[in-house]
Amino acid sequence: MASPTEQADDTINWPGLDEFVDIVVNRSAATSTLTVHNIPHDEIQRFIDLYEETLHRNIMFYDAQTKVGIFRIPSNDQVAAKSEFSTHLGMVIHNMRRDRLVCPSGSVLCQSADRTIIATPDTSLIPTNRLDEHPFPSVMVQVGRMQSRRSLMQIMRKWFRCSGGQVKIVVIINIIRGPPGRDEMVFQKWRCPEDEPVCDTAFSIKLRDDAPQPAPGTRRRFEESEFEVEVAPHSRPLPMVLEYELVCNEAPGPEQGDILMTEAMFRDMAVSTWLWFR
């Protein structure tokens, strides 16, 4: 699995609401995250109220006490990866007949009771027995480019810490852009059993070295067999297991088991996502 050099995330001071909206809309897609300091609480609430259906989804995390926010700058490959993961996860839930127990909640806006903590995942799952409480989801998923890895690790820890124990699983998908044929996606599944996050599943997907490359300026739909999956040495083997009791907020009953995301699913996910890489 690749271990690229970690790069610093872009950091700015709050420039005012109008200028910040312009930055988010027009930021280069090469920037995956943006850390913003000194954000007044009333300004972030105005940002949410004015752009409730669109730009509020850029808020990965905001803490009114520190006045620091971390924002996502979406790119086509990130949106594709998020969409593919959400679609496959929804299919698994439906096929395993878990629809009555857990609800895909997408990029839901999460806020603490006093509205001082704000978070928005790329996609998420929430137990149906907690839908009326407006809580944090039990599963939160975040997609990012590898140069924002430090921010993604911070986000994962903050989601666990600030959700009051409601977030049980965080899945991080890192996109590593390289020369043609050297792009890679790294998946990590985190739990927080004893106040310290633990990564129990980690693997990467990339094209095989002998996979024919498309002509310059063109795209090609690769086959599942043209991808290779490398599981990290410390990781559990695939499938990725989303434990029933963590996802559904209750102990499993008869014929109720964990949600399993298989290697074949991730290969299929890669086929569609790779179309956006050039």
C-alpha atoms as a PDB file:
ATOM      1  CA  MET A   1       0.000   0.000   0.000  1.00  0.00           C
ATOM      2  CA  ALA A   2       1.366   3.402  -0.911  1.00  0.00           C
ATOM      3  CA  SER A   3       2.646   5.730   1.797  1.00  0.00           C
ATOM      4  CA  PRO A   4       2.821   9.124   0.081  1.00  0.00           C
ATOM      5  CA  THR A   5       4.374  12.145   1.712  1.00  0.00           C
ATOM      6  CA  GLU A   6       1.821  14.048   3.735  1.00  0.00           C
ATOM      7  CA  GLN A   7       1.259  17.603   2.542  1.00  0.00           C
ATOM      8  CA  ALA A   8       0.068  20.596   4.524  1.00  0.00           C
ATOM      9  CA  ASP A   9      -3.605  21.508   4.177  1.00  0.00           C
ATOM     10  CA  ASP A  10      -4.576  25.009   3.037  1.00  0.00           C
ATOM     11  CA  THR A  11      -5.258  27.294   6.011  1.00  0.00           C
ATOM     12  CA  ILE A  12      -6.797  30.784   6.024  1.00  0.00           C
ATOM     13  CA  ASN A  13      -8.423  33.221   8.434  1.00  0.00           C
ATOM     14  CA  TRP A  14     -12.145  33.895   8.076  1.00  0.00           C
ATOM     15  CA  PRO A  15     -12.481  36.518   5.308  1.00  0.00           C
ATOM     16  CA  GLY A  16     -16.171  37.310   5.801  1.00  0.00           C
ATOM     17  CA  LEU A  17     -19.204  35.370   4.602  1.00  0.00           C
ATOM     18  CA  ASP A  18     -19.489  36.651   1.025  1.00  0.00           C
ATOM     19  CA  GLU A  19     -15.794  36.248   0.272  1.00  0.00           C
ATOM     20  CA  PHE A  20     -15.731  32.799   1.865  1.00  0.00           C
ATOM     21  CA  VAL A  21     -18.638  31.589  -0.275  1.00  0.00           C
ATOM     22  CA  ASP A  22     -16.738  32.813  -3.339  1.00  0.00           C
ATOM     23  CA  ILE A  23     -13.638  30.882  -2.209  1.00  0.00           C
ATOM     24  CA  VAL A  24     -15.588  27.649  -1.698  1.00  0.00           C
ATOM     25  CA  VAL A  25     -17.322  27.920  -5.069  1.00  0.00           C
ATOM     26  CA  ASN A  26     -14.210  28.800  -7.069  1.00  0.00           C
ATOM     27  CA  ARG A  27     -11.442  26.950  -5.217  1.00  0.00           C
ATOM     28  CA  SER A  28      -9.166  24.763  -7.304  1.00  0.00           C
ATOM     29  CA  ALA A  29     -10.222  21.114  -7.306  1.00  0.00           C
ATOM     30  CA  ALA A  30      -6.612  20.249  -6.452  1.00  0.00           C
ATOM     31  CA  THR A  31      -7.400  21.452  -2.909  1.00  0.00           C
ATOM     32  CA  SER A  32      -9.347  18.848  -0.977  1.00  0.00           C
ATOM     33  CA  THR A  33      -9.797  20.587   2.388  1.00  0.00           C
ATOM     34  CA  LEU A  34      -9.583  24.100   3.740  1.00  0.00           C
ATOM     35  CA  THR A  35      -8.979  24.894   7.424  1.00  0.00           C
ATOM     36  CA  VAL A  36     -10.408  28.258   8.483  1.00  0.00           C
ATOM     37  CA  HIS A  37      -9.591  30.052  11.752  1.00  0.00           C
ATOM     38  CA  ASN A  38     -11.470  32.747  13.694  1.00  0.00           C
ATOM     39  CA  ILE A  39     -14.956  31.984  12.349  1.00  0.00           C
ATOM     40  CA  PRO A  40     -17.650  33.811  14.362  1.00  0.00           C
ATOM     41  CA  HIS A  41     -20.409  31.449  15.453  1.00  0.00           C
ATOM     42  CA  ASP A  42     -23.151  33.684  14.036  1.00  0.00           C
ATOM     43  CA  GLU A  43     -21.377  33.731  10.665  1.00  0.00           C
ATOM     44  CA  ILE A  44     -21.251  29.953  10.410  1.00  0.00           C
ATOM     45  CA  GLN A  45     -24.960  29.806  11.277  1.00  0.00           C
ATOM     46  CA  ARG A  46     -25.680  32.347   8.527  1.00  0.00           C
ATOM     47  CA  PHE A  47     -23.656  30.176   6.137  1.00  0.00           C
ATOM     48  CA  ILE A  48     -25.873  27.204   7.040  1.00  0.00           C
ATOM     49  CA  ASP A  49     -29.129  29.177   6.860  1.00  0.00           C
ATOM     50  CA  LEU A  50     -28.355  30.864   3.531  1.00  0.00           C
ATOM     51  CA  TYR A  51     -26.977  27.783   1.799  1.00  0.00           C
ATOM     52  CA  GLU A  52     -28.870  24.991   3.528  1.00  0.00           C
ATOM     53  CA  GLU A  53     -29.392  22.870   0.405  1.00  0.00           C
ATOM     54  CA  THR A  54     -25.929  23.177  -1.102  1.00  0.00           C
ATOM     55  CA  LEU A  55     -22.852  24.690   0.483  1.00  0.00           C
ATOM     56  CA  HIS A  56     -23.562  23.622   4.064  1.00  0.00           C
ATOM     57  CA  ARG A  57     -22.442  20.168   2.932  1.00  0.00           C
ATOM     58  CA  ASN A  58     -18.916  21.589   2.737  1.00  0.00           C
ATOM     59  CA  ILE A  59     -18.720  21.796   6.549  1.00  0.00           C
ATOM     60  CA  MET A  60     -16.789  18.724   7.661  1.00  0.00           C
ATOM     61  CA  PHE A  61     -16.406  20.046  11.215  1.00  0.00           C
ATOM     62  CA  TYR A  62     -16.809  23.314  13.144  1.00  0.00           C
ATOM     63  CA  ASP A  63     -16.242  24.013  16.838  1.00  0.00           C
ATOM     64  CA  ALA A  64     -17.608  27.313  18.174  1.00  0.00           C
ATOM     65  CA  GLN A  65     -15.269  27.192  21.171  1.00  0.00           C
ATOM     66  CA  THR A  66     -12.082  27.200  19.079  1.00  0.00           C
ATOM     67  CA  LYS A  67     -13.720  29.048  16.126  1.00  0.00           C
ATOM     68  CA  VAL A  68     -11.968  26.642  13.750  1.00  0.00           C
ATOM     69  CA  GLY A  69     -13.714  24.957  10.838  1.00  0.00           C
ATOM     70  CA  ILE A  70     -12.555  22.353   8.320  1.00  0.00           C
ATOM     71  CA  PHE A  71     -14.297  22.498   4.952  1.00  0.00           C
ATOM     72  CA  ARG A  72     -14.306  20.149   1.957  1.00  0.00           C
ATOM     73  CA  ILE A  73     -13.699  21.389  -1.579  1.00  0.00           C
ATOM     74  CA  PRO A  74     -15.384  18.732  -3.743  1.00  0.00           C
ATOM     75  CA  SER A  75     -13.883  17.462  -6.996  1.00  0.00           C
ATOM     76  CA  ASN A  76     -15.358  15.120  -9.596  1.00  0.00           C
ATOM     77  CA  ASP A  77     -13.376  12.105  -8.411  1.00  0.00           C
ATOM     78  CA  GLN A  78     -14.371  12.690  -4.792  1.00  0.00           C
ATOM     79  CA  VAL A  79     -18.036  13.067  -5.710  1.00  0.00           C
ATOM     80  CA  ALA A  80     -17.842   9.883  -7.803  1.00  0.00           C
ATOM     81  CA  ALA A  81     -16.226   7.888  -4.976  1.00  0.00           C
ATOM     82  CA  LYS A  82     -18.796   9.163  -2.472  1.00  0.00           C
ATOM     83  CA  SER A  83     -21.679   8.320  -4.795  1.00  0.00           C
ATOM     84  CA  GLU A  84     -20.364   4.828  -5.552  1.00  0.00           C
ATOM     85  CA  PHE A  85     -19.787   3.981  -1.870  1.00  0.00           C
ATOM     86  CA  SER A  86     -23.253   5.276  -0.932  1.00  0.00           C
ATOM     87  CA  THR A  87     -24.902   3.286  -3.723  1.00  0.00           C
ATOM     88  CA  HIS A  88     -23.162   0.027  -2.844  1.00  0.00           C
ATOM     89  CA  LEU A  89     -23.805   0.455   0.874  1.00  0.00           C
ATOM     90  CA  GLY A  90     -27.489   1.097   0.186  1.00  0.00           C
ATOM     91  CA  MET A  91     -27.675  -2.042  -1.978  1.00  0.00           C
ATOM     92  CA  VAL A  92     -26.142  -4.156   0.792  1.00  0.00           C
ATOM     93  CA  ILE A  93     -28.605  -2.818   3.360  1.00  0.00           C
ATOM     94  CA  HIS A  94     -31.525  -3.535   1.038  1.00  0.00           C
ATOM     95  CA  ASN A  95     -30.338  -7.005   0.035  1.00  0.00           C
ATOM     96  CA  MET A  96     -29.705  -7.974   3.659  1.00  0.00           C
ATOM     97  CA  ARG A  97     -33.156  -6.635   4.605  1.00  0.00           C
ATOM     98  CA  ARG A  98     -31.807  -4.086   7.057  1.00  0.00           C
ATOM     99  CA  ASP A  99     -34.013  -1.260   5.699  1.00  0.00           C
ATOM    100  CA  ARG A 100     -36.274  -1.250   8.763  1.00  0.00           C
ATOM    101  CA  LEU A 101     -33.310  -0.995  11.117  1.00  0.00           C
ATOM    102  CA  VAL A 102     -30.970   1.503   9.517  1.00  0.00           C
ATOM    103  CA  CYS A 103     -31.518   4.434   7.175  1.00  0.00           C
ATOM    104  CA  PRO A 104     -28.977   5.871   4.694  1.00  0.00           C
ATOM    105  CA  SER A 105     -28.880   9.556   5.671  1.00  0.00           C
ATOM    106  CA  GLY A 106     -26.415  10.964   3.125  1.00  0.00           C
ATOM    107  CA  SER A 107     -24.675  14.276   3.825  1.00  0.00           C
ATOM    108  CA  VAL A 108     -26.799  14.998   6.875  1.00  0.00           C
ATOM    109  CA  LEU A 109     -26.059  18.185   8.828  1.00  0.00           C
ATOM    110  CA  CYS A 110     -25.240  17.171  12.427  1.00  0.00           C
ATOM    111  CA  GLN A 111     -25.308  19.687  15.286  1.00  0.00           C
ATOM    112  CA  SER A 112     -24.873  19.343  19.018  1.00  0.00           C
ATOM    113  CA  ALA A 113     -27.820  20.358  21.198  1.00  0.00           C
ATOM    114  CA  ASP A 114     -26.320  23.807  21.817  1.00  0.00           C
ATOM    115  CA  ARG A 115     -25.357  24.156  18.105  1.00  0.00           C
ATOM    116  CA  THR A 116     -21.697  24.770  18.965  1.00  0.00           C
ATOM    117  CA  ILE A 117     -20.483  21.604  17.211  1.00  0.00           C
ATOM    118  CA  ILE A 118     -21.347  21.122  13.533  1.00  0.00           C
ATOM    119  CA  ALA A 119     -20.379  18.217  11.270  1.00  0.00           C
ATOM    120  CA  THR A 120     -21.376  16.921   7.839  1.00  0.00           C
ATOM    121  CA  PRO A 121     -20.161  13.561   6.477  1.00  0.00           C
ATOM    122  CA  ASP A 122     -20.059  12.692   2.784  1.00  0.00           C
ATOM    123  CA  THR A 123     -22.561   9.938   3.493  1.00  0.00           C
ATOM    124  CA  SER A 124     -23.847   8.174   6.609  1.00  0.00           C
ATOM    125  CA  LEU A 125     -26.130   5.616   8.248  1.00  0.00           C
ATOM    126  CA  ILE A 126     -28.479   6.289  11.140  1.00  0.00           C
ATOM    127  CA  PRO A 127     -30.426   3.685  13.172  1.00  0.00           C
ATOM    128  CA  THR A 128     -34.170   4.001  12.660  1.00  0.00           C
ATOM    129  CA  ASN A 129     -34.664   3.810  16.439  1.00  0.00           C
ATOM    130  CA  ARG A 130     -32.871   7.177  16.723  1.00  0.00           C
ATOM    131  CA  LEU A 131     -34.393   9.054  13.782  1.00  0.00           C
ATOM    132  CA  ASP A 132     -36.556  11.311  15.958  1.00  0.00           C
ATOM    133  CA  GLU A 133     -33.633  12.469  18.089  1.00  0.00           C
ATOM    134  CA  HIS A 134     -31.763  14.357  15.315  1.00  0.00           C
ATOM    135  CA  PRO A 135     -28.540  12.687  16.434  1.00  0.00           C
ATOM    136  CA  PHE A 136     -25.193  12.045  14.891  1.00  0.00           C
ATOM    137  CA  PRO A 137     -25.300   8.959  12.620  1.00  0.00           C
ATOM    138  CA  SER A 138     -23.821   5.679  13.800  1.00  0.00           C
ATOM    139  CA  VAL A 139     -21.719   5.398  10.605  1.00  0.00           C
ATOM    140  CA  MET A 140     -20.053   8.413   8.968  1.00  0.00           C
ATOM    141  CA  VAL A 141     -18.059   8.305   5.713  1.00  0.00           C
ATOM    142  CA  GLN A 142     -15.579  10.873   4.409  1.00  0.00           C
ATOM    143  CA  VAL A 143     -13.793  10.987   1.037  1.00  0.00           C
ATOM    144  CA  GLY A 144     -10.674  13.090   0.490  1.00  0.00           C
ATOM    145  CA  ARG A 145      -7.498  13.426  -1.504  1.00  0.00           C
ATOM    146  CA  MET A 146      -4.329  12.216   0.155  1.00  0.00           C
ATOM    147  CA  GLN A 147      -2.860  15.709   0.555  1.00  0.00           C
ATOM    148  CA  SER A 148      -5.627  16.319   3.111  1.00  0.00           C
ATOM    149  CA  ARG A 149      -4.848  13.174   5.118  1.00  0.00           C
ATOM    150  CA  ARG A 150      -3.988  15.140   8.267  1.00  0.00           C
ATOM    151  CA  SER A 151      -7.369  16.881   8.175  1.00  0.00           C
ATOM    152  CA  LEU A 152      -9.194  13.607   7.574  1.00  0.00           C
ATOM    153  CA  MET A 153      -7.562  12.050  10.636  1.00  0.00           C
ATOM    154  CA  GLN A 154      -8.533  15.108  12.692  1.00  0.00           C
ATOM    155  CA  ILE A 155     -12.099  14.900  11.405  1.00  0.00           C
ATOM    156  CA  MET A 156     -12.360  11.230  12.312  1.00  0.00           C
ATOM    157  CA  ARG A 157     -11.199  11.880  15.880  1.00  0.00           C
ATOM    158  CA  LYS A 158     -13.469  14.912  16.287  1.00  0.00           C
ATOM    159  CA  TRP A 159     -16.521  13.009  15.037  1.00  0.00           C
ATOM    160  CA  PHE A 160     -15.942  10.261  17.592  1.00  0.00           C
ATOM    161  CA  ARG A 161     -15.202  12.668  20.451  1.00  0.00           C
ATOM    162  CA  CYS A 162     -17.930  15.251  19.885  1.00  0.00           C
ATOM    163  CA  SER A 163     -20.842  12.959  19.032  1.00  0.00           C
ATOM    164  CA  GLY A 164     -21.344  11.828  22.608  1.00  0.00           C
ATOM    165  CA  GLY A 165     -20.628   8.242  21.641  1.00  0.00           C
ATOM    166  CA  GLN A 166     -23.264   8.144  18.891  1.00  0.00           C
ATOM    167  CA  VAL A 167     -20.743   7.787  16.042  1.00  0.00           C
ATOM    168  CA  LYS A 168     -19.578   4.160  16.171  1.00  0.00           C
ATOM    169  CA  ILE A 169     -17.816   3.691  12.808  1.00  0.00           C
ATOM    170  CA  VAL A 170     -15.976   6.115  10.516  1.00  0.00           C
ATOM    171  CA  VAL A 171     -14.938   5.059   7.011  1.00  0.00           C
ATOM    172  CA  ILE A 172     -12.282   7.180   5.314  1.00  0.00           C
ATOM    173  CA  ILE A 173     -11.607   6.934   1.577  1.00  0.00           C
ATOM    174  CA  ASN A 174      -8.348   8.553   0.464  1.00  0.00           C
ATOM    175  CA  ILE A 175      -7.840   9.253  -3.235  1.00  0.00           C
ATOM    176  CA  ILE A 176      -4.202   9.315  -4.319  1.00  0.00           C
ATOM    177  CA  ARG A 177      -3.705  10.926  -7.717  1.00  0.00           C
ATOM    178  CA  GLY A 178      -0.585   9.908  -9.624  1.00  0.00           C
ATOM    179  CA  PRO A 179       0.750   9.571 -13.169  1.00  0.00           C
ATOM    180  CA  PRO A 180      -1.520   7.751 -15.651  1.00  0.00           C
ATOM    181  CA  GLY A 181      -2.174   4.254 -14.349  1.00  0.00           C
ATOM    182  CA  ARG A 182      -0.865   5.055 -10.859  1.00  0.00           C
ATOM    183  CA  ASP A 183      -3.998   6.415  -9.210  1.00  0.00           C
ATOM    184  CA  GLU A 184      -5.036   4.651  -6.024  1.00  0.00           C
ATOM    185  CA  MET A 185      -7.862   4.571  -3.487  1.00  0.00           C
ATOM    186  CA  VAL A 186      -7.159   3.703   0.153  1.00  0.00           C
ATOM    187  CA  PHE A 187     -10.022   2.597   2.417  1.00  0.00           C
ATOM    188  CA  GLN A 188      -9.874   2.649   6.221  1.00  0.00           C
ATOM    189  CA  LYS A 189     -12.569   1.608   8.675  1.00  0.00           C
ATOM    190  CA  TRP A 190     -12.224   3.048  12.196  1.00  0.00           C
ATOM    191  CA  ARG A 191     -13.962   2.193  15.473  1.00  0.00           C
ATOM    192  CA  CYS A 192     -13.554   3.818  18.881  1.00  0.00           C
ATOM    193  CA  PRO A 193     -14.059   1.065  21.479  1.00  0.00           C
ATOM    194  CA  GLU A 194     -12.179   2.656  24.408  1.00  0.00           C
ATOM    195  CA  ASP A 195     -11.829   6.399  23.773  1.00  0.00           C
ATOM    196  CA  GLU A 196      -9.041   5.822  21.247  1.00  0.00           C
ATOM    197  CA  PRO A 197      -9.795   5.231  17.536  1.00  0.00           C
ATOM    198  CA  VAL A 198      -8.679   1.881  16.127  1.00  0.00           C
ATOM    199  CA  CYS A 199      -8.350   1.051  12.419  1.00  0.00           C
ATOM    200  CA  ASP A 200      -9.376  -2.588  12.004  1.00  0.00           C
ATOM    201  CA  THR A 201      -9.703  -2.675   8.194  1.00  0.00           C
ATOM    202  CA  ALA A 202      -7.384  -1.010   5.675  1.00  0.00           C
ATOM    203  CA  PHE A 203      -6.746  -1.789   2.024  1.00  0.00           C
ATOM    204  CA  SER A 204      -5.975  -0.124  -1.294  1.00  0.00           C
ATOM    205  CA  ILE A 205      -7.278  -0.534  -4.830  1.00  0.00           C
ATOM    206  CA  LYS A 206      -5.230   0.327  -7.908  1.00  0.00           C
ATOM    207  CA  LEU A 207      -4.827  -0.781 -11.509  1.00  0.00           C
ATOM    208  CA  ARG A 208      -2.595  -3.741 -12.236  1.00  0.00           C
ATOM    209  CA  ASP A 209       0.708  -2.807 -13.847  1.00  0.00           C
ATOM    210  CA  ASP A 210      -0.235  -4.671 -17.030  1.00  0.00           C
ATOM    211  CA  ALA A 211      -3.643  -2.978 -17.453  1.00  0.00           C
ATOM    212  CA  PRO A 212      -3.700  -1.230 -20.885  1.00  0.00           C
ATOM    213  CA  GLN A 213      -3.908   2.547 -20.540  1.00  0.00           C
ATOM    214  CA  PRO A 214      -6.287   4.697 -22.624  1.00  0.00           C
ATOM    215  CA  ALA A 215      -4.870   7.001 -25.283  1.00  0.00           C
ATOM    216  CA  PRO A 216      -3.942  10.512 -24.038  1.00  0.00           C
ATOM    217  CA  GLY A 217      -7.026  12.684 -23.637  1.00  0.00           C
ATOM    218  CA  THR A 218      -9.426   9.718 -23.651  1.00  0.00           C
ATOM    219  CA  ARG A 219     -11.101   7.544 -21.032  1.00  0.00           C
ATOM    220  CA  ARG A 220     -11.532   3.796 -20.863  1.00  0.00           C
ATOM    221  CA  ARG A 221     -13.825   1.701 -18.714  1.00  0.00           C
ATOM    222  CA  PHE A 222     -11.567  -0.777 -16.958  1.00  0.00           C
ATOM    223  CA  GLU A 223     -12.727  -4.252 -16.016  1.00  0.00           C
ATOM    224  CA  GLU A 224     -12.905  -5.459 -12.404  1.00  0.00           C
ATOM    225  CA  SER A 225     -10.178  -7.999 -13.161  1.00  0.00           C
ATOM    226  CA  GLU A 226      -7.787  -5.172 -14.104  1.00  0.00           C
ATOM    227  CA  PHE A 227      -7.684  -3.901 -10.514  1.00  0.00           C
ATOM    228  CA  GLU A 228      -5.667  -5.323  -7.658  1.00  0.00           C
ATOM    229  CA  VAL A 229      -6.605  -5.121  -3.989  1.00  0.00           C
ATOM    230  CA  GLU A 230      -3.860  -4.955  -1.360  1.00  0.00           C
ATOM    231  CA  VAL A 231      -4.844  -5.465   2.275  1.00  0.00           C
ATOM    232  CA  ALA A 232      -2.616  -3.778   4.875  1.00  0.00           C
ATOM    233  CA  PRO A 233      -0.568  -6.133   7.115  1.00  0.00           C
ATOM    234  CA  HIS A 234      -2.348  -5.023  10.308  1.00  0.00           C
ATOM    235  CA  SER A 235      -5.828  -5.260   8.775  1.00  0.00           C
ATOM    236  CA  ARG A 236      -8.598  -7.776   9.017  1.00  0.00           C
ATOM    237  CA  PRO A 237      -9.159  -9.554   5.694  1.00  0.00           C
ATOM    238  CA  LEU A 238     -12.035  -8.435   3.501  1.00  0.00           C
ATOM    239  CA  PRO A 239     -15.013  -8.192   3.578  1.00  0.00           C
ATOM    240  CA  MET A 240     -15.256  -4.901   5.465  1.00  0.00           C
ATOM    241  CA  VAL A 241     -17.494  -5.661   8.437  1.00  0.00           C
ATOM    242  CA  LEU A 242     -19.935  -3.061   9.770  1.00  0.00           C
ATOM    243  CA  GLU A 243     -20.933  -4.629  13.066  1.00  0.00           C
ATOM    244  CA  TYR A 244     -24.686  -4.952  13.574  1.00  0.00           C
ATOM    245  CA  GLU A 245     -24.769  -3.685  17.158  1.00  0.00           C
ATOM    246  CA  LEU A 246     -22.693  -0.616  16.246  1.00  0.00           C
ATOM    247  CA  VAL A 247     -24.682   0.267  13.127  1.00  0.00           C
ATOM    248  CA  CYS A 248     -28.189  -0.483  14.411  1.00  0.00           C
ATOM    249  CA  ASN A 249     -27.778   0.609  18.041  1.00  0.00           C
ATOM    250  CA  GLU A 250     -29.088  -2.699  19.399  1.00  0.00           C
ATOM    251  CA  ALA A 251     -28.018  -6.298  19.925  1.00  0.00           C
ATOM    252  CA  PRO A 252     -28.641  -8.612  16.967  1.00  0.00           C
ATOM    253  CA  GLY A 253     -31.612 -10.935  17.107  1.00  0.00           C
ATOM    254  CA  PRO A 254     -32.220 -14.215  15.282  1.00  0.00           C
ATOM    255  CA  GLU A 255     -31.103 -14.089  11.640  1.00  0.00           C
ATOM    256  CA  GLN A 256     -29.633 -10.609  12.125  1.00  0.00           C
ATOM    257  CA  GLY A 257     -25.959 -10.289  11.314  1.00  0.00           C
ATOM    258  CA  ASP A 258     -23.260  -7.808  10.411  1.00  0.00           C
ATOM    259  CA  ILE A 259     -23.283  -5.744   7.209  1.00  0.00           C
ATOM    260  CA  LEU A 260     -20.591  -7.092   4.872  1.00  0.00           C
ATOM    261  CA  MET A 261     -18.943  -5.110   2.062  1.00  0.00           C
ATOM    262  CA  THR A 262     -17.059  -7.577  -0.134  1.00  0.00           C
ATOM    263  CA  GLU A 263     -13.964  -7.237  -2.296  1.00  0.00           C
ATOM    264  CA  ALA A 264     -16.144  -7.673  -5.396  1.00  0.00           C
ATOM    265  CA  MET A 265     -18.171  -4.625  -4.361  1.00  0.00           C
ATOM    266  CA  PHE A 266     -15.071  -2.477  -3.981  1.00  0.00           C
ATOM    267  CA  ARG A 267     -13.763  -3.639  -7.360  1.00  0.00           C
ATOM    268  CA  ASP A 268     -17.084  -2.662  -8.949  1.00  0.00           C
ATOM    269  CA  MET A 269     -16.875   0.677  -7.155  1.00  0.00           C
ATOM    270  CA  ALA A 270     -13.405   1.236  -8.631  1.00  0.00           C
ATOM    271  CA  VAL A 271     -14.635   0.570 -12.186  1.00  0.00           C
ATOM    272  CA  SER A 272     -17.057   3.516 -12.022  1.00  0.00           C
ATOM    273  CA  THR A 273     -14.837   5.836  -9.989  1.00  0.00           C
ATOM    274  CA  TRP A 274     -11.829   5.447 -12.308  1.00  0.00           C
ATOM    275  CA  LEU A 275     -13.840   6.952 -15.182  1.00  0.00           C
ATOM    276  CA  TRP A 276     -13.488  10.318 -13.411  1.00  0.00           C
ATOM    277  CA  PHE A 277      -9.744  10.143 -12.935  1.00  0.00           C
ATOM    278  CA  ARG A 278      -8.828  11.662 -16.310  1.00  0.00           C
END
